[in-house]
Amino acid sequence: DNEKDKDHHYIRRERYQGSVSRTFYVGEAVKEEDIKAKYENGILTLVVPKKVEEPKVEEQKYIAIEG
């Protein structure tokens, strides 16, 4: 919270100091060692790789036709 007087001088300035925790599910395919984290200039950046989709192979089916 920031409060200023009529001359725009700070009366009180606060900032949070402590620990913060947040969790989220990334799936079974992501390995912990593949996740990268960097904290710089007050910004936490996480890089989580996306799961690479296997290309789908079209399956050919033959149907017998009578007649």
N, C-alpha and C. Protein backbone atom coordinates (compact mmCIF):
# COMPACT_ATOMS: atom_id res chain seq x y z
N ASP A 1 0.84 -1.19 0.00
CA ASP A 1 0.00 0.00 0.00
C ASP A 1 0.87 1.24 0.00
N ASN A 2 0.54 2.18 -0.82
CA ASN A 2 1.24 3.46 -0.86
C ASN A 2 0.26 4.56 -0.49
N GLU A 3 0.61 5.38 0.48
CA GLU A 3 -0.20 6.53 0.85
C GLU A 3 0.65 7.78 0.72
N LYS A 4 0.07 8.84 0.11
CA LYS A 4 0.80 10.10 -0.07
C LYS A 4 0.01 11.24 0.58
N ASP A 5 0.73 12.29 0.98
CA ASP A 5 0.06 13.47 1.52
C ASP A 5 -0.31 14.40 0.36
N LYS A 6 -0.84 15.59 0.68
CA LYS A 6 -1.31 16.51 -0.36
C LYS A 6 -0.18 17.01 -1.27
N ASP A 7 1.07 16.96 -0.80
CA ASP A 7 2.21 17.37 -1.61
C ASP A 7 2.84 16.19 -2.35
N HIS A 8 2.16 15.08 -2.33
CA HIS A 8 2.59 13.85 -3.01
C HIS A 8 3.86 13.26 -2.41
N HIS A 9 4.09 13.50 -1.12
CA HIS A 9 5.19 12.84 -0.41
C HIS A 9 4.63 11.58 0.24
N TYR A 10 5.42 10.55 0.25
CA TYR A 10 4.96 9.30 0.83
C TYR A 10 4.79 9.42 2.33
N ILE A 11 3.65 9.01 2.83
CA ILE A 11 3.41 8.88 4.26
C ILE A 11 3.81 7.48 4.69
N ARG A 12 3.41 6.54 3.88
CA ARG A 12 3.70 5.13 4.18
C ARG A 12 3.90 4.39 2.87
N ARG A 13 4.90 3.56 2.84
CA ARG A 13 5.17 2.68 1.70
C ARG A 13 5.40 1.29 2.25
N GLU A 14 4.79 0.31 1.62
CA GLU A 14 4.96 -1.07 2.07
C GLU A 14 5.32 -1.94 0.88
N ARG A 15 5.98 -3.01 1.20
CA ARG A 15 6.21 -4.05 0.20
C ARG A 15 6.19 -5.39 0.92
N TYR A 16 5.78 -6.39 0.20
CA TYR A 16 5.67 -7.73 0.78
C TYR A 16 7.03 -8.39 0.77
N GLN A 17 7.35 -9.02 1.87
CA GLN A 17 8.59 -9.79 1.95
C GLN A 17 8.25 -11.11 2.62
N GLY A 18 8.54 -12.19 1.97
CA GLY A 18 8.24 -13.50 2.52
C GLY A 18 8.27 -14.54 1.41
N SER A 19 7.73 -15.68 1.71
CA SER A 19 7.75 -16.74 0.71
C SER A 19 6.37 -16.91 0.09
N VAL A 20 6.38 -17.34 -1.15
CA VAL A 20 5.15 -17.58 -1.90
C VAL A 20 5.28 -18.96 -2.51
N SER A 21 4.19 -19.69 -2.54
CA SER A 21 4.21 -21.03 -3.12
C SER A 21 3.03 -21.18 -4.07
N ARG A 22 3.29 -21.76 -5.23
CA ARG A 22 2.22 -22.03 -6.18
C ARG A 22 2.56 -23.35 -6.87
N THR A 23 1.58 -24.19 -7.05
CA THR A 23 1.80 -25.46 -7.73
C THR A 23 0.80 -25.59 -8.87
N PHE A 24 1.19 -26.32 -9.90
CA PHE A 24 0.27 -26.64 -10.98
C PHE A 24 0.72 -27.94 -11.64
N TYR A 25 -0.23 -28.63 -12.21
CA TYR A 25 0.00 -29.93 -12.83
C TYR A 25 0.47 -29.73 -14.27
N VAL A 26 1.57 -30.37 -14.64
CA VAL A 26 2.11 -30.23 -16.00
C VAL A 26 1.98 -31.52 -16.81
N GLY A 27 1.46 -32.56 -16.23
CA GLY A 27 1.27 -33.80 -16.96
C GLY A 27 2.38 -34.80 -16.68
N GLU A 28 2.14 -36.02 -17.10
CA GLU A 28 3.08 -37.10 -16.86
C GLU A 28 4.27 -37.06 -17.82
N ALA A 29 4.11 -36.45 -19.00
CA ALA A 29 5.15 -36.49 -20.03
C ALA A 29 6.30 -35.52 -19.75
N VAL A 30 6.09 -34.53 -18.88
CA VAL A 30 7.13 -33.54 -18.60
C VAL A 30 7.99 -34.03 -17.44
N LYS A 31 9.30 -34.04 -17.66
CA LYS A 31 10.23 -34.47 -16.62
C LYS A 31 10.72 -33.24 -15.85
N GLU A 32 10.94 -33.41 -14.57
CA GLU A 32 11.38 -32.30 -13.72
C GLU A 32 12.67 -31.67 -14.23
N GLU A 33 13.59 -32.48 -14.73
CA GLU A 33 14.87 -31.94 -15.19
C GLU A 33 14.74 -31.13 -16.48
N ASP A 34 13.60 -31.23 -17.18
CA ASP A 34 13.38 -30.46 -18.40
C ASP A 34 12.78 -29.08 -18.13
N ILE A 35 12.33 -28.82 -16.91
CA ILE A 35 11.74 -27.54 -16.55
C ILE A 35 12.85 -26.59 -16.11
N LYS A 36 12.86 -25.39 -16.68
CA LYS A 36 13.88 -24.38 -16.37
C LYS A 36 13.22 -23.20 -15.66
N ALA A 37 13.90 -22.64 -14.66
CA ALA A 37 13.38 -21.49 -13.93
C ALA A 37 14.48 -20.45 -13.77
N LYS A 38 14.08 -19.17 -13.85
CA LYS A 38 15.03 -18.07 -13.69
C LYS A 38 14.34 -16.94 -12.95
N TYR A 39 15.00 -16.37 -11.94
CA TYR A 39 14.48 -15.23 -11.20
C TYR A 39 15.41 -14.06 -11.45
N GLU A 40 14.90 -13.01 -12.11
CA GLU A 40 15.73 -11.88 -12.49
C GLU A 40 14.91 -10.60 -12.42
N ASN A 41 15.44 -9.59 -11.74
CA ASN A 41 14.77 -8.29 -11.61
C ASN A 41 13.35 -8.42 -11.05
N GLY A 42 13.17 -9.31 -10.10
CA GLY A 42 11.86 -9.48 -9.46
C GLY A 42 10.86 -10.27 -10.27
N ILE A 43 11.29 -10.88 -11.37
CA ILE A 43 10.38 -11.65 -12.22
C ILE A 43 10.84 -13.10 -12.27
N LEU A 44 9.93 -14.00 -11.95
CA LEU A 44 10.20 -15.43 -12.04
C LEU A 44 9.71 -15.92 -13.40
N THR A 45 10.62 -16.51 -14.18
CA THR A 45 10.28 -17.04 -15.49
C THR A 45 10.45 -18.55 -15.48
N LEU A 46 9.41 -19.27 -15.89
CA LEU A 46 9.45 -20.72 -15.99
C LEU A 46 9.33 -21.12 -17.45
N VAL A 47 10.12 -22.10 -17.85
CA VAL A 47 10.03 -22.65 -19.20
C VAL A 47 9.69 -24.13 -19.04
N VAL A 48 8.49 -24.49 -19.50
CA VAL A 48 8.01 -25.87 -19.41
C VAL A 48 7.81 -26.38 -20.83
N PRO A 49 8.53 -27.43 -21.24
CA PRO A 49 8.39 -27.91 -22.61
C PRO A 49 7.01 -28.52 -22.86
N LYS A 50 6.53 -28.32 -24.06
CA LYS A 50 5.25 -28.92 -24.45
C LYS A 50 5.48 -30.36 -24.85
N LYS A 51 4.45 -31.16 -24.69
CA LYS A 51 4.52 -32.55 -25.12
C LYS A 51 4.50 -32.58 -26.65
N VAL A 52 5.45 -33.30 -27.21
CA VAL A 52 5.52 -33.43 -28.67
C VAL A 52 4.51 -34.49 -29.09
N GLU A 53 3.59 -34.09 -29.93
CA GLU A 53 2.57 -35.02 -30.41
C GLU A 53 3.17 -35.94 -31.48
N GLU A 54 2.91 -37.20 -31.34
CA GLU A 54 3.33 -38.17 -32.35
C GLU A 54 2.45 -37.97 -33.58
N PRO A 55 3.04 -37.93 -34.76
CA PRO A 55 2.19 -37.79 -35.96
C PRO A 55 1.30 -39.02 -36.11
N LYS A 56 0.03 -38.75 -36.38
CA LYS A 56 -0.91 -39.85 -36.51
C LYS A 56 -0.77 -40.48 -37.89
N VAL A 57 -0.68 -41.78 -37.90
CA VAL A 57 -0.58 -42.53 -39.15
C VAL A 57 -1.97 -43.03 -39.49
N GLU A 58 -2.42 -42.69 -40.69
CA GLU A 58 -3.73 -43.16 -41.09
C GLU A 58 -3.71 -44.66 -41.29
N GLU A 59 -4.71 -45.29 -40.75
CA GLU A 59 -4.80 -46.74 -40.83
C GLU A 59 -5.70 -47.11 -42.01
N GLN A 60 -5.20 -47.98 -42.87
CA GLN A 60 -6.00 -48.42 -44.01
C GLN A 60 -6.74 -49.69 -43.64
N LYS A 61 -8.01 -49.70 -43.98
CA LYS A 61 -8.83 -50.89 -43.72
C LYS A 61 -9.47 -51.32 -45.03
N TYR A 62 -9.48 -52.62 -45.23
CA TYR A 62 -10.10 -53.18 -46.42
C TYR A 62 -11.37 -53.90 -46.00
N ILE A 63 -12.43 -53.60 -46.72
CA ILE A 63 -13.73 -54.22 -46.41
C ILE A 63 -14.15 -55.04 -47.63
N ALA A 64 -14.47 -56.29 -47.38
CA ALA A 64 -14.91 -57.18 -48.47
C ALA A 64 -16.33 -56.81 -48.87
N ILE A 65 -16.53 -56.69 -50.17
CA ILE A 65 -17.85 -56.36 -50.69
C ILE A 65 -18.39 -57.58 -51.42
N GLU A 66 -19.55 -58.02 -51.01
CA GLU A 66 -20.15 -59.20 -51.64
C GLU A 66 -20.99 -58.77 -52.83
N GLY A 67 -21.02 -59.65 -53.85
CA GLY A 67 -21.94 -59.42 -54.94
C GLY A 67 -21.35 -59.24 -56.25
